[in-house]
């Protein structure tokens, strides 16, 4: 079985919210106990994925399309981008400038 959940699923542990020995401010809470999920399993006889359950409703606003690339699941580099990064590094271009070119 596989389960796909919303990136705002769950909640931060209370022990992290109430710490008194903090050196800096706590980050804003982004988890909202969202129940949106998709559960699937593989039927070995037919070799097809079967939907076990689907909960489409979110309890929060969805991330705008212009910001989706900032989510951890979408932050990867393609093979072509990696090759471009390597060649630019070879010529002495700094990483911050390379990322500015790629994300530009």
PDB file of N, CA and C in Angstrom:
ATOM      1  N   UNK A   1       0.844  -1.180   0.000  1.00  0.00           N
ATOM      2  CA  UNK A   1       0.000   0.000   0.000  1.00  0.00           C
ATOM      3  C   UNK A   1       0.890   1.244   0.000  1.00  0.00           C
ATOM      4  N   UNK A   2       0.457   2.261  -0.715  1.00  0.00           N
ATOM      5  CA  UNK A   2       1.110   3.563  -0.718  1.00  0.00           C
ATOM      6  C   UNK A   2       0.089   4.617  -0.343  1.00  0.00           C
ATOM      7  N   UNK A   3       0.577   5.630   0.320  1.00  0.00           N
ATOM      8  CA  UNK A   3      -0.306   6.713   0.726  1.00  0.00           C
ATOM      9  C   UNK A   3       0.340   8.042   0.352  1.00  0.00           C
ATOM     10  N   UNK A   4      -0.426   8.886  -0.297  1.00  0.00           N
ATOM     11  CA  UNK A   4       0.017  10.231  -0.646  1.00  0.00           C
ATOM     12  C   UNK A   4      -0.817  11.204   0.169  1.00  0.00           C
ATOM     13  N   UNK A   5      -0.150  12.084   0.910  1.00  0.00           N
ATOM     14  CA  UNK A   5      -0.855  13.019   1.785  1.00  0.00           C
ATOM     15  C   UNK A   5      -0.515  14.456   1.401  1.00  0.00           C
ATOM     16  N   UNK A   6      -1.310  15.358   1.863  1.00  0.00           N
ATOM     17  CA  UNK A   6      -1.086  16.790   1.659  1.00  0.00           C
ATOM     18  C   UNK A   6       0.184  17.207   2.397  1.00  0.00           C
ATOM     19  N   UNK A   7       0.905  18.204   1.871  1.00  0.00           N
ATOM     20  CA  UNK A   7       2.124  18.644   2.550  1.00  0.00           C
ATOM     21  C   UNK A   7       1.828  19.396   3.848  1.00  0.00           C
ATOM     22  N   UNK A   8       0.568  19.682   4.135  1.00  0.00           N
ATOM     23  CA  UNK A   8       0.196  20.328   5.390  1.00  0.00           C
ATOM     24  C   UNK A   8      -0.442  19.341   6.370  1.00  0.00           C
ATOM     25  N   UNK A   9      -0.276  18.057   6.107  1.00  0.00           N
ATOM     26  CA  UNK A   9      -0.800  17.005   6.964  1.00  0.00           C
ATOM     27  C   UNK A   9      -0.025  16.974   8.280  1.00  0.00           C
ATOM     28  N   UNK A  10      -0.677  16.590   9.362  1.00  0.00           N
ATOM     29  CA  UNK A  10      -0.011  16.454  10.653  1.00  0.00           C
ATOM     30  C   UNK A  10       0.048  17.759  11.420  1.00  0.00           C
ATOM     31  N   UNK A  11       0.803  17.725  12.518  1.00  0.00           N
ATOM     32  CA  UNK A  11       0.987  18.919  13.325  1.00  0.00           C
ATOM     33  C   UNK A  11       2.345  18.865  14.017  1.00  0.00           C
ATOM     34  N   UNK A  12       2.866  20.024  14.353  1.00  0.00           N
ATOM     35  CA  UNK A  12       4.152  20.104  15.030  1.00  0.00           C
ATOM     36  C   UNK A  12       4.007  19.618  16.467  1.00  0.00           C
ATOM     37  N   UNK A  13       4.995  18.906  16.937  1.00  0.00           N
ATOM     38  CA  UNK A  13       4.983  18.391  18.302  1.00  0.00           C
ATOM     39  C   UNK A  13       4.942  19.547  19.301  1.00  0.00           C
ATOM     40  N   UNK A  14       4.131  19.405  20.342  1.00  0.00           N
ATOM     41  CA  UNK A  14       3.981  20.449  21.354  1.00  0.00           C
ATOM     42  C   UNK A  14       5.273  20.775  22.072  1.00  0.00           C
ATOM     43  N   UNK A  15       6.170  19.789  22.211  1.00  0.00           N
ATOM     44  CA  UNK A  15       7.420  20.053  22.931  1.00  0.00           C
ATOM     45  C   UNK A  15       8.286  21.078  22.208  1.00  0.00           C
ATOM     46  N   UNK A  16       8.101  21.210  20.896  1.00  0.00           N
ATOM     47  CA  UNK A  16       8.878  22.192  20.149  1.00  0.00           C
ATOM     48  C   UNK A  16       8.241  23.576  20.210  1.00  0.00           C
ATOM     49  N   UNK A  17       6.952  23.638  20.433  1.00  0.00           N
ATOM     50  CA  UNK A  17       6.261  24.924  20.482  1.00  0.00           C
ATOM     51  C   UNK A  17       6.485  25.653  21.803  1.00  0.00           C
ATOM     52  N   UNK A  18       6.670  24.895  22.878  1.00  0.00           N
ATOM     53  CA  UNK A  18       6.738  25.486  24.214  1.00  0.00           C
ATOM     54  C   UNK A  18       8.142  25.535  24.803  1.00  0.00           C
ATOM     55  N   UNK A  19       9.152  25.502  23.983  1.00  0.00           N
ATOM     56  CA  UNK A  19      10.534  25.518  24.486  1.00  0.00           C
ATOM     57  C   UNK A  19      10.879  26.885  25.062  1.00  0.00           C
ATOM     58  N   UNK A  20      11.560  26.890  26.196  1.00  0.00           N
ATOM     59  CA  UNK A  20      11.969  28.148  26.817  1.00  0.00           C
ATOM     60  C   UNK A  20      13.427  28.485  26.520  1.00  0.00           C
ATOM     61  N   UNK A  21      14.191  27.524  26.015  1.00  0.00           N
ATOM     62  CA  UNK A  21      15.615  27.746  25.752  1.00  0.00           C
ATOM     63  C   UNK A  21      15.888  28.092  24.287  1.00  0.00           C
ATOM     64  N   UNK A  22      14.915  28.711  23.618  1.00  0.00           N
ATOM     65  CA  UNK A  22      15.071  29.088  22.213  1.00  0.00           C
ATOM     66  C   UNK A  22      16.099  30.184  22.034  1.00  0.00           C
ATOM     67  N   UNK A  23      16.878  30.048  20.959  1.00  0.00           N
ATOM     68  CA  UNK A  23      17.840  31.092  20.627  1.00  0.00           C
ATOM     69  C   UNK A  23      17.271  32.039  19.580  1.00  0.00           C
ATOM     70  N   UNK A  24      16.242  31.601  18.868  1.00  0.00           N
ATOM     71  CA  UNK A  24      15.585  32.463  17.875  1.00  0.00           C
ATOM     72  C   UNK A  24      14.101  32.122  17.831  1.00  0.00           C
ATOM     73  N   UNK A  25      13.347  32.987  17.188  1.00  0.00           N
ATOM     74  CA  UNK A  25      11.896  32.801  17.094  1.00  0.00           C
ATOM     75  C   UNK A  25      11.548  31.509  16.364  1.00  0.00           C
ATOM     76  N   UNK A  26      10.472  30.888  16.784  1.00  0.00           N
ATOM     77  CA  UNK A  26       9.999  29.676  16.117  1.00  0.00           C
ATOM     78  C   UNK A  26       9.433  30.034  14.748  1.00  0.00           C
ATOM     79  N   UNK A  27       9.608  29.127  13.802  1.00  0.00           N
ATOM     80  CA  UNK A  27       9.026  29.341  12.479  1.00  0.00           C
ATOM     81  C   UNK A  27       7.506  29.250  12.582  1.00  0.00           C
ATOM     82  N   UNK A  28       6.831  29.886  11.659  1.00  0.00           N
ATOM     83  CA  UNK A  28       5.369  29.833  11.639  1.00  0.00           C
ATOM     84  C   UNK A  28       4.905  28.393  11.427  1.00  0.00           C
ATOM     85  N   UNK A  29       3.816  28.035  12.072  1.00  0.00           N
ATOM     86  CA  UNK A  29       3.272  26.692  11.923  1.00  0.00           C
ATOM     87  C   UNK A  29       2.607  26.569  10.562  1.00  0.00           C
ATOM     88  N   UNK A  30       3.043  25.589   9.774  1.00  0.00           N
ATOM     89  CA  UNK A  30       2.482  25.400   8.439  1.00  0.00           C
ATOM     90  C   UNK A  30       1.605  24.165   8.355  1.00  0.00           C
ATOM     91  N   UNK A  31       1.663  23.306   9.346  1.00  0.00           N
ATOM     92  CA  UNK A  31       0.845  22.100   9.314  1.00  0.00           C
ATOM     93  C   UNK A  31      -0.534  22.401   9.885  1.00  0.00           C
ATOM     94  N   UNK A  32      -1.569  21.902   9.205  1.00  0.00           N
ATOM     95  CA  UNK A  32      -2.940  22.233   9.597  1.00  0.00           C
ATOM     96  C   UNK A  32      -3.813  21.013   9.848  1.00  0.00           C
ATOM     97  N   UNK A  33      -3.214  19.850  10.038  1.00  0.00           N
ATOM     98  CA  UNK A  33      -3.958  18.585  10.207  1.00  0.00           C
ATOM     99  C   UNK A  33      -4.849  18.295   9.005  1.00  0.00           C
ATOM    100  N   UNK A  34      -4.389  18.628   7.821  1.00  0.00           N
ATOM    101  CA  UNK A  34      -5.172  18.413   6.611  1.00  0.00           C
ATOM    102  C   UNK A  34      -5.358  16.917   6.363  1.00  0.00           C
ATOM    103  N   UNK A  35      -6.583  16.515   6.067  1.00  0.00           N
ATOM    104  CA  UNK A  35      -6.900  15.095   5.873  1.00  0.00           C
ATOM    105  C   UNK A  35      -6.921  14.659   4.414  1.00  0.00           C
ATOM    106  N   UNK A  36      -6.564  15.538   3.497  1.00  0.00           N
ATOM    107  CA  UNK A  36      -6.569  15.165   2.079  1.00  0.00           C
ATOM    108  C   UNK A  36      -5.521  14.076   1.850  1.00  0.00           C
ATOM    109  N   UNK A  37      -5.934  12.972   1.215  1.00  0.00           N
ATOM    110  CA  UNK A  37      -5.016  11.861   0.988  1.00  0.00           C
ATOM    111  C   UNK A  37      -5.519  10.921  -0.089  1.00  0.00           C
ATOM    112  N   UNK A  38      -4.608  10.139  -0.605  1.00  0.00           N
ATOM    113  CA  UNK A  38      -4.914   9.112  -1.599  1.00  0.00           C
ATOM    114  C   UNK A  38      -4.180   7.843  -1.184  1.00  0.00           C
ATOM    115  N   UNK A  39      -4.916   6.756  -1.006  1.00  0.00           N
ATOM    116  CA  UNK A  39      -4.312   5.462  -0.671  1.00  0.00           C
ATOM    117  C   UNK A  39      -4.520   4.511  -1.840  1.00  0.00           C
ATOM    118  N   UNK A  40      -3.427   3.878  -2.263  1.00  0.00           N
ATOM    119  CA  UNK A  40      -3.502   2.934  -3.374  1.00  0.00           C
ATOM    120  C   UNK A  40      -2.739   1.660  -3.010  1.00  0.00           C
ATOM    121  N   UNK A  41      -3.087   0.578  -3.673  1.00  0.00           N
ATOM    122  CA  UNK A  41      -2.327  -0.659  -3.507  1.00  0.00           C
ATOM    123  C   UNK A  41      -2.228  -1.363  -4.851  1.00  0.00           C
ATOM    124  N   UNK A  42      -1.214  -2.188  -4.997  1.00  0.00           N
ATOM    125  CA  UNK A  42      -0.968  -2.898  -6.241  1.00  0.00           C
ATOM    126  C   UNK A  42      -1.672  -4.244  -6.222  1.00  0.00           C
ATOM    127  N   UNK A  43      -2.506  -4.478  -7.227  1.00  0.00           N
ATOM    128  CA  UNK A  43      -3.135  -5.791  -7.413  1.00  0.00           C
ATOM    129  C   UNK A  43      -2.141  -6.630  -8.215  1.00  0.00           C
ATOM    130  N   UNK A  44      -1.547  -7.610  -7.559  1.00  0.00           N
ATOM    131  CA  UNK A  44      -0.470  -8.385  -8.186  1.00  0.00           C
ATOM    132  C   UNK A  44      -0.943  -9.227  -9.364  1.00  0.00           C
ATOM    133  N   UNK A  45      -2.197  -9.643  -9.347  1.00  0.00           N
ATOM    134  CA  UNK A  45      -2.703 -10.465 -10.459  1.00  0.00           C
ATOM    135  C   UNK A  45      -2.833  -9.639 -11.737  1.00  0.00           C
ATOM    136  N   UNK A  46      -3.448  -8.476 -11.637  1.00  0.00           N
ATOM    137  CA  UNK A  46      -3.662  -7.646 -12.820  1.00  0.00           C
ATOM    138  C   UNK A  46      -2.515  -6.666 -13.070  1.00  0.00           C
ATOM    139  N   UNK A  47      -1.600  -6.535 -12.105  1.00  0.00           N
ATOM    140  CA  UNK A  47      -0.473  -5.608 -12.198  1.00  0.00           C
ATOM    141  C   UNK A  47      -0.947  -4.150 -12.378  1.00  0.00           C
ATOM    142  N   UNK A  48      -2.061  -3.817 -11.709  1.00  0.00           N
ATOM    143  CA  UNK A  48      -2.611  -2.458 -11.769  1.00  0.00           C
ATOM    144  C   UNK A  48      -2.727  -1.896 -10.354  1.00  0.00           C
ATOM    145  N   UNK A  49      -2.593  -0.579 -10.264  1.00  0.00           N
ATOM    146  CA  UNK A  49      -2.779   0.096  -8.987  1.00  0.00           C
ATOM    147  C   UNK A  49      -4.271   0.322  -8.761  1.00  0.00           C
ATOM    148  N   UNK A  50      -4.745   0.015  -7.570  1.00  0.00           N
ATOM    149  CA  UNK A  50      -6.150   0.146  -7.198  1.00  0.00           C
ATOM    150  C   UNK A  50      -6.261   1.229  -6.119  1.00  0.00           C
ATOM    151  N   UNK A  51      -7.222   2.132  -6.301  1.00  0.00           N
ATOM    152  CA  UNK A  51      -7.456   3.182  -5.308  1.00  0.00           C
ATOM    153  C   UNK A  51      -8.209   2.573  -4.135  1.00  0.00           C
ATOM    154  N   UNK A  52      -7.600   2.657  -2.956  1.00  0.00           N
ATOM    155  CA  UNK A  52      -8.232   2.148  -1.738  1.00  0.00           C
ATOM    156  C   UNK A  52      -9.147   3.189  -1.123  1.00  0.00           C
ATOM    157  N   UNK A  53      -8.657   4.408  -1.021  1.00  0.00           N
ATOM    158  CA  UNK A  53      -9.480   5.499  -0.507  1.00  0.00           C
ATOM    159  C   UNK A  53      -8.938   6.827  -1.035  1.00  0.00           C
ATOM    160  N   UNK A  54      -9.839   7.787  -1.104  1.00  0.00           N
ATOM    161  CA  UNK A  54      -9.479   9.113  -1.603  1.00  0.00           C
ATOM    162  C   UNK A  54     -10.251  10.150  -0.817  1.00  0.00           C
ATOM    163  N   UNK A  55      -9.549  11.085  -0.202  1.00  0.00           N
ATOM    164  CA  UNK A  55     -10.159  12.189   0.534  1.00  0.00           C
ATOM    165  C   UNK A  55      -9.680  13.485  -0.119  1.00  0.00           C
ATOM    166  N   UNK A  56     -10.527  14.135  -0.941  1.00  0.00           N
ATOM    167  CA  UNK A  56     -10.082  15.298  -1.713  1.00  0.00           C
ATOM    168  C   UNK A  56     -10.123  16.637  -0.983  1.00  0.00           C
ATOM    169  N   UNK A  57     -10.809  16.709   0.149  1.00  0.00           N
ATOM    170  CA  UNK A  57     -11.028  18.027   0.762  1.00  0.00           C
ATOM    171  C   UNK A  57      -9.840  18.479   1.613  1.00  0.00           C
ATOM    172  N   UNK A  58      -9.395  19.709   1.374  1.00  0.00           N
ATOM    173  CA  UNK A  58      -8.324  20.334   2.139  1.00  0.00           C
ATOM    174  C   UNK A  58      -8.958  21.315   3.125  1.00  0.00           C
ATOM    175  N   UNK A  59      -8.316  21.526   4.270  1.00  0.00           N
ATOM    176  CA  UNK A  59      -8.835  22.478   5.252  1.00  0.00           C
ATOM    177  C   UNK A  59      -8.049  23.797   5.220  1.00  0.00           C
ATOM    178  N   UNK A  60      -7.461  24.111   4.072  1.00  0.00           N
ATOM    179  CA  UNK A  60      -6.640  25.308   3.919  1.00  0.00           C
ATOM    180  C   UNK A  60      -6.652  25.714   2.454  1.00  0.00           C
ATOM    181  N   UNK A  61      -6.145  26.901   2.182  1.00  0.00           N
ATOM    182  CA  UNK A  61      -6.012  27.358   0.798  1.00  0.00           C
ATOM    183  C   UNK A  61      -4.882  26.576   0.135  1.00  0.00           C
ATOM    184  N   UNK A  62      -5.028  26.274  -1.149  1.00  0.00           N
ATOM    185  CA  UNK A  62      -3.976  25.579  -1.873  1.00  0.00           C
ATOM    186  C   UNK A  62      -2.873  26.560  -2.267  1.00  0.00           C
ATOM    187  N   UNK A  63      -1.670  26.042  -2.435  1.00  0.00           N
ATOM    188  CA  UNK A  63      -0.534  26.863  -2.838  1.00  0.00           C
ATOM    189  C   UNK A  63      -0.764  27.383  -4.249  1.00  0.00           C
ATOM    190  N   UNK A  64      -0.570  28.684  -4.487  1.00  0.00           N
ATOM    191  CA  UNK A  64      -0.752  29.224  -5.839  1.00  0.00           C
ATOM    192  C   UNK A  64       0.223  28.566  -6.820  1.00  0.00           C
ATOM    193  N   UNK A  65      -0.179  28.425  -8.068  1.00  0.00           N
ATOM    194  CA  UNK A  65       0.645  27.774  -9.086  1.00  0.00           C
ATOM    195  C   UNK A  65       2.007  28.452  -9.228  1.00  0.00           C
ATOM    196  N   UNK A  66       2.068  29.745  -8.998  1.00  0.00           N
ATOM    197  CA  UNK A  66       3.339  30.470  -9.136  1.00  0.00           C
ATOM    198  C   UNK A  66       4.323  30.157  -8.007  1.00  0.00           C
ATOM    199  N   UNK A  67       3.863  29.499  -6.950  1.00  0.00           N
ATOM    200  CA  UNK A  67       4.723  29.193  -5.804  1.00  0.00           C
ATOM    201  C   UNK A  67       4.998  27.697  -5.625  1.00  0.00           C
ATOM    202  N   UNK A  68       4.390  26.850  -6.437  1.00  0.00           N
ATOM    203  CA  UNK A  68       4.525  25.400  -6.282  1.00  0.00           C
ATOM    204  C   UNK A  68       5.981  24.953  -6.379  1.00  0.00           C
ATOM    205  N   UNK A  69       6.779  25.608  -7.203  1.00  0.00           N
ATOM    206  CA  UNK A  69       8.180  25.212  -7.367  1.00  0.00           C
ATOM    207  C   UNK A  69       8.984  25.343  -6.074  1.00  0.00           C
ATOM    208  N   UNK A  70       8.461  26.033  -5.067  1.00  0.00           N
ATOM    209  CA  UNK A  70       9.152  26.190  -3.795  1.00  0.00           C
ATOM    210  C   UNK A  70       8.869  25.051  -2.819  1.00  0.00           C
ATOM    211  N   UNK A  71       7.882  24.225  -3.101  1.00  0.00           N
ATOM    212  CA  UNK A  71       7.564  23.094  -2.227  1.00  0.00           C
ATOM    213  C   UNK A  71       8.664  22.040  -2.328  1.00  0.00           C
ATOM    214  N   UNK A  72       9.005  21.371  -1.228  1.00  0.00           N
ATOM    215  CA  UNK A  72      10.086  20.386  -1.247  1.00  0.00           C
ATOM    216  C   UNK A  72       9.936  19.310  -2.320  1.00  0.00           C
ATOM    217  N   UNK A  73       8.735  18.880  -2.595  1.00  0.00           N
ATOM    218  CA  UNK A  73       8.526  17.812  -3.580  1.00  0.00           C
ATOM    219  C   UNK A  73       8.859  18.250  -5.005  1.00  0.00           C
ATOM    220  N   UNK A  74       8.903  19.546  -5.253  1.00  0.00           N
ATOM    221  CA  UNK A  74       9.141  20.057  -6.604  1.00  0.00           C
ATOM    222  C   UNK A  74      10.479  20.789  -6.734  1.00  0.00           C
ATOM    223  N   UNK A  75      11.358  20.649  -5.752  1.00  0.00           N
ATOM    224  CA  UNK A  75      12.600  21.410  -5.749  1.00  0.00           C
ATOM    225  C   UNK A  75      13.768  20.725  -6.445  1.00  0.00           C
ATOM    226  N   UNK A  76      13.563  19.697  -7.200  1.00  0.00           N
ATOM    227  CA  UNK A  76      14.664  18.969  -7.826  1.00  0.00           C
ATOM    228  C   UNK A  76      15.205  19.652  -9.071  1.00  0.00           C
ATOM    229  N   UNK A  77      16.392  19.251  -9.465  1.00  0.00           N
ATOM    230  CA  UNK A  77      16.999  19.730 -10.702  1.00  0.00           C
ATOM    231  C   UNK A  77      16.973  18.608 -11.725  1.00  0.00           C
ATOM    232  N   UNK A  78      16.716  18.941 -12.963  1.00  0.00           N
ATOM    233  CA  UNK A  78      16.739  17.940 -14.028  1.00  0.00           C
ATOM    234  C   UNK A  78      18.191  17.569 -14.335  1.00  0.00           C
ATOM    235  N   UNK A  79      18.375  16.504 -15.087  1.00  0.00           N
ATOM    236  CA  UNK A  79      19.720  16.080 -15.482  1.00  0.00           C
ATOM    237  C   UNK A  79      20.406  17.181 -16.285  1.00  0.00           C
ATOM    238  N   UNK A  80      19.658  17.844 -17.161  1.00  0.00           N
ATOM    239  CA  UNK A  80      20.217  18.927 -17.965  1.00  0.00           C
ATOM    240  C   UNK A  80      20.659  20.091 -17.081  1.00  0.00           C
ATOM    241  N   UNK A  81      19.839  20.440 -16.072  1.00  0.00           N
ATOM    242  CA  UNK A  81      20.207  21.521 -15.156  1.00  0.00           C
ATOM    243  C   UNK A  81      21.453  21.158 -14.352  1.00  0.00           C
ATOM    244  N   UNK A  82      21.555  19.888 -13.921  1.00  0.00           N
ATOM    245  CA  UNK A  82      22.735  19.453 -13.168  1.00  0.00           C
ATOM    246  C   UNK A  82      23.991  19.564 -14.022  1.00  0.00           C
ATOM    247  N   UNK A  83      23.895  19.180 -15.291  1.00  0.00           N
ATOM    248  CA  UNK A  83      25.046  19.289 -16.191  1.00  0.00           C
ATOM    249  C   UNK A  83      25.433  20.757 -16.378  1.00  0.00           C
ATOM    250  N   UNK A  84      24.430  21.620 -16.484  1.00  0.00           N
ATOM    251  CA  UNK A  84      24.680  23.056 -16.638  1.00  0.00           C
ATOM    252  C   UNK A  84      25.375  23.614 -15.394  1.00  0.00           C
ATOM    253  N   UNK A  85      24.916  23.195 -14.206  1.00  0.00           N
ATOM    254  CA  UNK A  85      25.529  23.624 -12.948  1.00  0.00           C
ATOM    255  C   UNK A  85      26.988  23.185 -12.900  1.00  0.00           C
ATOM    256  N   UNK A  86      27.242  21.928 -13.246  1.00  0.00           N
ATOM    257  CA  UNK A  86      28.611  21.412 -13.216  1.00  0.00           C
ATOM    258  C   UNK A  86      29.527  22.193 -14.157  1.00  0.00           C
ATOM    259  N   UNK A  87      29.054  22.481 -15.361  1.00  0.00           N
ATOM    260  CA  UNK A  87      29.906  23.203 -16.308  1.00  0.00           C
ATOM    261  C   UNK A  87      30.146  24.641 -15.845  1.00  0.00           C
ATOM    262  N   UNK A  88      29.136  25.284 -15.275  1.00  0.00           N
ATOM    263  CA  UNK A  88      29.322  26.651 -14.773  1.00  0.00           C
ATOM    264  C   UNK A  88      30.276  26.675 -13.575  1.00  0.00           C
ATOM    265  N   UNK A  89      30.181  25.652 -12.692  1.00  0.00           N
ATOM    266  CA  UNK A  89      31.112  25.540 -11.569  1.00  0.00           C
ATOM    267  C   UNK A  89      32.539  25.393 -12.095  1.00  0.00           C
ATOM    268  N   UNK A  90      32.685  24.604 -13.145  1.00  0.00           N
ATOM    269  CA  UNK A  90      34.004  24.373 -13.745  1.00  0.00           C
ATOM    270  C   UNK A  90      34.632  25.692 -14.199  1.00  0.00           C
ATOM    271  N   UNK A  91      33.813  26.625 -14.665  1.00  0.00           N
ATOM    272  CA  UNK A  91      34.306  27.915 -15.127  1.00  0.00           C
ATOM    273  C   UNK A  91      34.343  28.982 -14.037  1.00  0.00           C
ATOM    274  N   UNK A  92      34.086  28.579 -12.778  1.00  0.00           N
ATOM    275  CA  UNK A  92      34.248  29.490 -11.649  1.00  0.00           C
ATOM    276  C   UNK A  92      33.049  30.342 -11.292  1.00  0.00           C
ATOM    277  N   UNK A  93      31.871  30.034 -11.818  1.00  0.00           N
ATOM    278  CA  UNK A  93      30.667  30.802 -11.478  1.00  0.00           C
ATOM    279  C   UNK A  93      30.189  30.345 -10.103  1.00  0.00           C
ATOM    280  N   UNK A  94      29.849  31.290  -9.233  1.00  0.00           N
ATOM    281  CA  UNK A  94      29.421  30.968  -7.867  1.00  0.00           C
ATOM    282  C   UNK A  94      28.028  30.336  -7.867  1.00  0.00           C
ATOM    283  N   UNK A  95      27.792  29.471  -6.871  1.00  0.00           N
ATOM    284  CA  UNK A  95      26.538  28.722  -6.770  1.00  0.00           C
ATOM    285  C   UNK A  95      25.322  29.650  -6.708  1.00  0.00           C
ATOM    286  N   UNK A  96      25.388  30.726  -5.944  1.00  0.00           N
ATOM    287  CA  UNK A  96      24.241  31.630  -5.824  1.00  0.00           C
ATOM    288  C   UNK A  96      23.893  32.248  -7.180  1.00  0.00           C
ATOM    289  N   UNK A  97      24.900  32.527  -8.004  1.00  0.00           N
ATOM    290  CA  UNK A  97      24.638  33.086  -9.329  1.00  0.00           C
ATOM    291  C   UNK A  97      24.068  32.026 -10.267  1.00  0.00           C
ATOM    292  N   UNK A  98      24.544  30.807 -10.122  1.00  0.00           N
ATOM    293  CA  UNK A  98      24.023  29.717 -10.961  1.00  0.00           C
ATOM    294  C   UNK A  98      22.549  29.484 -10.657  1.00  0.00           C
ATOM    295  N   UNK A  99      22.190  29.426  -9.378  1.00  0.00           N
ATOM    296  CA  UNK A  99      20.797  29.192  -9.000  1.00  0.00           C
ATOM    297  C   UNK A  99      19.921  30.335  -9.466  1.00  0.00           C
ATOM    298  N   UNK A 100      20.449  31.540  -9.444  1.00  0.00           N
ATOM    299  CA  UNK A 100      19.703  32.690  -9.966  1.00  0.00           C
ATOM    300  C   UNK A 100      19.425  32.541 -11.452  1.00  0.00           C
ATOM    301  N   UNK A 101      20.387  32.005 -12.201  1.00  0.00           N
ATOM    302  CA  UNK A 101      20.178  31.761 -13.645  1.00  0.00           C
ATOM    303  C   UNK A 101      19.128  30.697 -13.880  1.00  0.00           C
ATOM    304  N   UNK A 102      19.201  29.617 -13.109  1.00  0.00           N
ATOM    305  CA  UNK A 102      18.285  28.485 -13.316  1.00  0.00           C
ATOM    306  C   UNK A 102      16.859  28.854 -12.907  1.00  0.00           C
ATOM    307  N   UNK A 103      16.708  29.506 -11.768  1.00  0.00           N
ATOM    308  CA  UNK A 103      15.368  29.831 -11.249  1.00  0.00           C
ATOM    309  C   UNK A 103      14.796  31.088 -11.896  1.00  0.00           C
ATOM    310  N   UNK A 104      15.661  31.872 -12.534  1.00  0.00           N
ATOM    311  CA  UNK A 104      15.410  33.147 -13.092  1.00  0.00           C
ATOM    312  C   UNK A 104      14.183  33.469 -13.743  1.00  0.00           C
TER     313      UNK A 104
END
